[in-house]
């Protein structure tokens, strides 16, 4: 989350971070990054993501990520992504379809594994791949954006 937020700052994104796990969120005190209290799904719902908003779930915790992703996928966010392997993404999509009646069309909007496939290994490299994909999608949509990350990630 910290590396994603730092790189997003360099690109003038507005950054909101939501993570109800105090042990993670407390260490993300960065100037220019707004911490939003609450559960990620409530925060995503309350900020009303629009065509200038990206939402990225980075916790690896389905209890935090899945509900926030549902809110984001049902919004006008131009980008919705989630950290995790291809297998985790397939499981997540299956869960969202079976238990929450998410449509295949809505789930097709989910970028995951999040980021461009550049062979990233370190947190900084993974952050580069995530920000690069967000910029790619943003520029394809030709919009100015905010970065939103939910749950131990960036929200904006």
C-alpha atoms as a PDB file:
ATOM      1  CA  UNK A   1       0.000   0.000   0.000  1.00  0.00           C
ATOM      2  CA  UNK A   2       2.719   2.418   0.943  1.00  0.00           C
ATOM      3  CA  UNK A   3       4.615   2.001  -2.333  1.00  0.00           C
ATOM      4  CA  UNK A   4       1.398   2.293  -4.369  1.00  0.00           C
ATOM      5  CA  UNK A   5       0.452   5.464  -2.482  1.00  0.00           C
ATOM      6  CA  UNK A   6       3.918   6.987  -2.936  1.00  0.00           C
ATOM      7  CA  UNK A   7       3.908   6.369  -6.685  1.00  0.00           C
ATOM      8  CA  UNK A   8       0.347   7.601  -7.047  1.00  0.00           C
ATOM      9  CA  UNK A   9       1.359  10.828  -5.292  1.00  0.00           C
ATOM     10  CA  UNK A  10       4.035  11.427  -7.923  1.00  0.00           C
ATOM     11  CA  UNK A  11       1.265  11.320 -10.530  1.00  0.00           C
ATOM     12  CA  UNK A  12      -0.941  13.790  -8.629  1.00  0.00           C
ATOM     13  CA  UNK A  13      -3.624  11.284  -7.684  1.00  0.00           C
ATOM     14  CA  UNK A  14      -5.755  12.051  -4.655  1.00  0.00           C
ATOM     15  CA  UNK A  15      -5.135   9.096  -2.345  1.00  0.00           C
ATOM     16  CA  UNK A  16      -7.510   7.695   0.228  1.00  0.00           C
ATOM     17  CA  UNK A  17      -6.490   4.659   2.249  1.00  0.00           C
ATOM     18  CA  UNK A  18      -8.887   2.512   4.205  1.00  0.00           C
ATOM     19  CA  UNK A  19      -7.779  -0.339   6.414  1.00  0.00           C
ATOM     20  CA  UNK A  20      -9.682  -1.141   9.593  1.00  0.00           C
ATOM     21  CA  UNK A  21      -6.711  -3.168  10.847  1.00  0.00           C
ATOM     22  CA  UNK A  22      -4.980  -0.637  13.060  1.00  0.00           C
ATOM     23  CA  UNK A  23      -1.664  -2.505  13.032  1.00  0.00           C
ATOM     24  CA  UNK A  24      -1.396  -1.961   9.259  1.00  0.00           C
ATOM     25  CA  UNK A  25      -3.024   1.417   8.811  1.00  0.00           C
ATOM     26  CA  UNK A  26      -1.097   3.120  11.595  1.00  0.00           C
ATOM     27  CA  UNK A  27       2.167   2.702   9.708  1.00  0.00           C
ATOM     28  CA  UNK A  28       0.857   4.403   6.585  1.00  0.00           C
ATOM     29  CA  UNK A  29       1.028   7.953   7.868  1.00  0.00           C
ATOM     30  CA  UNK A  30       2.148   9.826   4.760  1.00  0.00           C
ATOM     31  CA  UNK A  31       1.726  13.494   3.981  1.00  0.00           C
ATOM     32  CA  UNK A  32      -0.879  13.905   1.278  1.00  0.00           C
ATOM     33  CA  UNK A  33      -2.507  10.526   1.932  1.00  0.00           C
ATOM     34  CA  UNK A  34      -5.883  10.654   3.616  1.00  0.00           C
ATOM     35  CA  UNK A  35      -6.761   7.770   5.912  1.00  0.00           C
ATOM     36  CA  UNK A  36     -10.473   7.025   5.890  1.00  0.00           C
ATOM     37  CA  UNK A  37     -11.883   5.181   8.881  1.00  0.00           C
ATOM     38  CA  UNK A  38     -14.407   2.391   8.517  1.00  0.00           C
ATOM     39  CA  UNK A  39     -14.865  -0.875   6.729  1.00  0.00           C
ATOM     40  CA  UNK A  40     -13.661  -0.760   3.109  1.00  0.00           C
ATOM     41  CA  UNK A  41     -17.054  -1.570   1.588  1.00  0.00           C
ATOM     42  CA  UNK A  42     -18.706   1.231   3.570  1.00  0.00           C
ATOM     43  CA  UNK A  43     -15.962   3.654   2.571  1.00  0.00           C
ATOM     44  CA  UNK A  44     -16.207   2.755  -1.124  1.00  0.00           C
ATOM     45  CA  UNK A  45     -19.990   3.130  -0.948  1.00  0.00           C
ATOM     46  CA  UNK A  46     -19.745   6.488   0.827  1.00  0.00           C
ATOM     47  CA  UNK A  47     -17.215   8.049  -1.548  1.00  0.00           C
ATOM     48  CA  UNK A  48     -19.443   7.189  -4.554  1.00  0.00           C
ATOM     49  CA  UNK A  49     -16.694   6.248  -7.041  1.00  0.00           C
ATOM     50  CA  UNK A  50     -17.089   7.934 -10.395  1.00  0.00           C
ATOM     51  CA  UNK A  51     -15.407   7.780 -13.803  1.00  0.00           C
ATOM     52  CA  UNK A  52     -12.368   9.527 -12.275  1.00  0.00           C
ATOM     53  CA  UNK A  53     -11.882   6.967  -9.504  1.00  0.00           C
ATOM     54  CA  UNK A  54      -9.735   3.849  -9.259  1.00  0.00           C
ATOM     55  CA  UNK A  55     -10.261   1.331  -6.469  1.00  0.00           C
ATOM     56  CA  UNK A  56      -7.533  -1.152  -5.574  1.00  0.00           C
ATOM     57  CA  UNK A  57      -7.866  -3.875  -2.918  1.00  0.00           C
ATOM     58  CA  UNK A  58      -4.501  -4.946  -1.543  1.00  0.00           C
ATOM     59  CA  UNK A  59      -5.080  -6.826   1.721  1.00  0.00           C
ATOM     60  CA  UNK A  60      -5.349 -10.446   0.534  1.00  0.00           C
ATOM     61  CA  UNK A  61      -8.198 -10.728   3.041  1.00  0.00           C
ATOM     62  CA  UNK A  62     -11.500 -11.709   1.395  1.00  0.00           C
ATOM     63  CA  UNK A  63     -13.458 -10.400   4.399  1.00  0.00           C
ATOM     64  CA  UNK A  64     -12.128  -6.923   3.651  1.00  0.00           C
ATOM     65  CA  UNK A  65     -11.515  -6.993  -0.086  1.00  0.00           C
ATOM     66  CA  UNK A  66     -14.551  -8.811  -1.501  1.00  0.00           C
ATOM     67  CA  UNK A  67     -17.232  -6.498  -0.156  1.00  0.00           C
ATOM     68  CA  UNK A  68     -15.277  -3.384  -1.152  1.00  0.00           C
ATOM     69  CA  UNK A  69     -14.765  -4.836  -4.624  1.00  0.00           C
ATOM     70  CA  UNK A  70     -18.499  -5.505  -4.930  1.00  0.00           C
ATOM     71  CA  UNK A  71     -19.237  -1.878  -4.130  1.00  0.00           C
ATOM     72  CA  UNK A  72     -16.589  -0.696  -6.583  1.00  0.00           C
ATOM     73  CA  UNK A  73     -17.732  -3.010  -9.380  1.00  0.00           C
ATOM     74  CA  UNK A  74     -21.269  -1.684  -8.982  1.00  0.00           C
ATOM     75  CA  UNK A  75     -20.012   1.894  -9.268  1.00  0.00           C
ATOM     76  CA  UNK A  76     -18.733   4.042 -12.107  1.00  0.00           C
ATOM     77  CA  UNK A  77     -15.084   3.635 -11.072  1.00  0.00           C
ATOM     78  CA  UNK A  78     -12.917   3.527 -14.191  1.00  0.00           C
ATOM     79  CA  UNK A  79     -10.607   0.944 -12.610  1.00  0.00           C
ATOM     80  CA  UNK A  80     -11.187  -1.797 -10.047  1.00  0.00           C
ATOM     81  CA  UNK A  81      -8.314  -4.108  -9.166  1.00  0.00           C
ATOM     82  CA  UNK A  82      -7.348  -6.682  -6.563  1.00  0.00           C
ATOM     83  CA  UNK A  83      -4.057  -8.180  -5.499  1.00  0.00           C
ATOM     84  CA  UNK A  84      -3.792 -11.956  -5.722  1.00  0.00           C
ATOM     85  CA  UNK A  85      -2.805 -14.848  -7.937  1.00  0.00           C
ATOM     86  CA  UNK A  86      -4.822 -16.042 -10.931  1.00  0.00           C
ATOM     87  CA  UNK A  87      -6.166 -18.871  -8.766  1.00  0.00           C
ATOM     88  CA  UNK A  88      -7.183 -16.418  -6.016  1.00  0.00           C
ATOM     89  CA  UNK A  89      -8.873 -14.194  -8.596  1.00  0.00           C
ATOM     90  CA  UNK A  90     -10.810 -17.162 -10.016  1.00  0.00           C
ATOM     91  CA  UNK A  91     -11.911 -18.141  -6.486  1.00  0.00           C
ATOM     92  CA  UNK A  92     -12.885 -14.541  -5.723  1.00  0.00           C
ATOM     93  CA  UNK A  93     -14.977 -14.251  -8.884  1.00  0.00           C
ATOM     94  CA  UNK A  94     -16.654 -17.586  -8.160  1.00  0.00           C
ATOM     95  CA  UNK A  95     -17.477 -16.461  -4.583  1.00  0.00           C
ATOM     96  CA  UNK A  96     -18.876 -13.154  -5.773  1.00  0.00           C
ATOM     97  CA  UNK A  97     -21.043 -14.879  -8.387  1.00  0.00           C
ATOM     98  CA  UNK A  98     -22.336 -17.662  -6.155  1.00  0.00           C
ATOM     99  CA  UNK A  99     -22.857 -15.843  -2.875  1.00  0.00           C
ATOM    100  CA  UNK A 100     -23.542 -12.269  -3.971  1.00  0.00           C
ATOM    101  CA  UNK A 101     -25.128 -12.680  -7.410  1.00  0.00           C
ATOM    102  CA  UNK A 102     -22.487 -10.561  -9.137  1.00  0.00           C
ATOM    103  CA  UNK A 103     -22.915 -10.697 -12.883  1.00  0.00           C
ATOM    104  CA  UNK A 104     -20.216 -11.933 -15.232  1.00  0.00           C
ATOM    105  CA  UNK A 105     -20.332  -8.490 -16.858  1.00  0.00           C
ATOM    106  CA  UNK A 106     -19.546  -6.744 -13.563  1.00  0.00           C
ATOM    107  CA  UNK A 107     -16.781  -9.238 -12.759  1.00  0.00           C
ATOM    108  CA  UNK A 108     -15.206  -8.698 -16.181  1.00  0.00           C
ATOM    109  CA  UNK A 109     -14.349  -5.191 -14.956  1.00  0.00           C
ATOM    110  CA  UNK A 110     -12.139  -6.601 -12.188  1.00  0.00           C
ATOM    111  CA  UNK A 111      -8.427  -6.286 -12.930  1.00  0.00           C
ATOM    112  CA  UNK A 112      -6.695  -9.202 -11.316  1.00  0.00           C
ATOM    113  CA  UNK A 113      -4.121 -10.179 -10.757  1.00  0.00           C
ATOM    114  CA  UNK A 114      -3.763  -6.433 -10.417  1.00  0.00           C
ATOM    115  CA  UNK A 115      -1.060  -4.648 -12.390  1.00  0.00           C
ATOM    116  CA  UNK A 116       0.713  -5.127 -15.687  1.00  0.00           C
ATOM    117  CA  UNK A 117       2.583  -8.407 -16.065  1.00  0.00           C
ATOM    118  CA  UNK A 118       6.166  -7.154 -15.799  1.00  0.00           C
ATOM    119  CA  UNK A 119       7.501 -10.002 -13.683  1.00  0.00           C
ATOM    120  CA  UNK A 120       7.344  -7.862 -10.537  1.00  0.00           C
ATOM    121  CA  UNK A 121       8.722  -9.458  -7.372  1.00  0.00           C
ATOM    122  CA  UNK A 122       9.335  -6.745  -4.764  1.00  0.00           C
ATOM    123  CA  UNK A 123       6.674  -4.476  -3.224  1.00  0.00           C
ATOM    124  CA  UNK A 124       8.058  -1.521  -5.198  1.00  0.00           C
ATOM    125  CA  UNK A 125       7.987  -3.453  -8.483  1.00  0.00           C
ATOM    126  CA  UNK A 126       4.445  -4.625  -7.784  1.00  0.00           C
ATOM    127  CA  UNK A 127       3.449  -1.015  -7.076  1.00  0.00           C
ATOM    128  CA  UNK A 128       4.996   0.065 -10.411  1.00  0.00           C
ATOM    129  CA  UNK A 129       2.944  -2.590 -12.215  1.00  0.00           C
ATOM    130  CA  UNK A 130      -0.259  -1.520 -10.430  1.00  0.00           C
ATOM    131  CA  UNK A 131       0.210   2.189 -11.078  1.00  0.00           C
ATOM    132  CA  UNK A 132       1.225   1.497 -14.691  1.00  0.00           C
ATOM    133  CA  UNK A 133      -1.976  -0.455 -15.306  1.00  0.00           C
ATOM    134  CA  UNK A 134      -4.099   2.250 -13.695  1.00  0.00           C
ATOM    135  CA  UNK A 135      -2.428   4.890 -15.867  1.00  0.00           C
ATOM    136  CA  UNK A 136      -2.890   2.712 -18.952  1.00  0.00           C
ATOM    137  CA  UNK A 137      -6.614   2.267 -18.282  1.00  0.00           C
ATOM    138  CA  UNK A 138      -7.006   5.936 -17.341  1.00  0.00           C
ATOM    139  CA  UNK A 139      -5.352   7.100 -20.532  1.00  0.00           C
ATOM    140  CA  UNK A 140      -7.428   4.715 -22.616  1.00  0.00           C
ATOM    141  CA  UNK A 141     -10.512   6.254 -21.032  1.00  0.00           C
ATOM    142  CA  UNK A 142      -8.942   9.722 -21.429  1.00  0.00           C
ATOM    143  CA  UNK A 143      -9.996  10.861 -17.967  1.00  0.00           C
ATOM    144  CA  UNK A 144      -8.319  12.628 -15.052  1.00  0.00           C
ATOM    145  CA  UNK A 145      -8.542  10.403 -11.988  1.00  0.00           C
ATOM    146  CA  UNK A 146      -8.287   9.913  -8.282  1.00  0.00           C
ATOM    147  CA  UNK A 147      -6.758   6.785  -6.825  1.00  0.00           C
ATOM    148  CA  UNK A 148      -8.864   4.889  -4.381  1.00  0.00           C
ATOM    149  CA  UNK A 149      -7.478   1.920  -2.566  1.00  0.00           C
ATOM    150  CA  UNK A 150      -9.516  -0.069  -0.189  1.00  0.00           C
ATOM    151  CA  UNK A 151      -8.347  -2.148   2.711  1.00  0.00           C
ATOM    152  CA  UNK A 152      -4.690  -1.761   3.355  1.00  0.00           C
ATOM    153  CA  UNK A 153      -4.332  -0.309  -0.031  1.00  0.00           C
ATOM    154  CA  UNK A 154      -5.071   3.017  -1.664  1.00  0.00           C
ATOM    155  CA  UNK A 155      -8.586   4.484  -1.902  1.00  0.00           C
ATOM    156  CA  UNK A 156      -9.349   7.638  -3.769  1.00  0.00           C
END
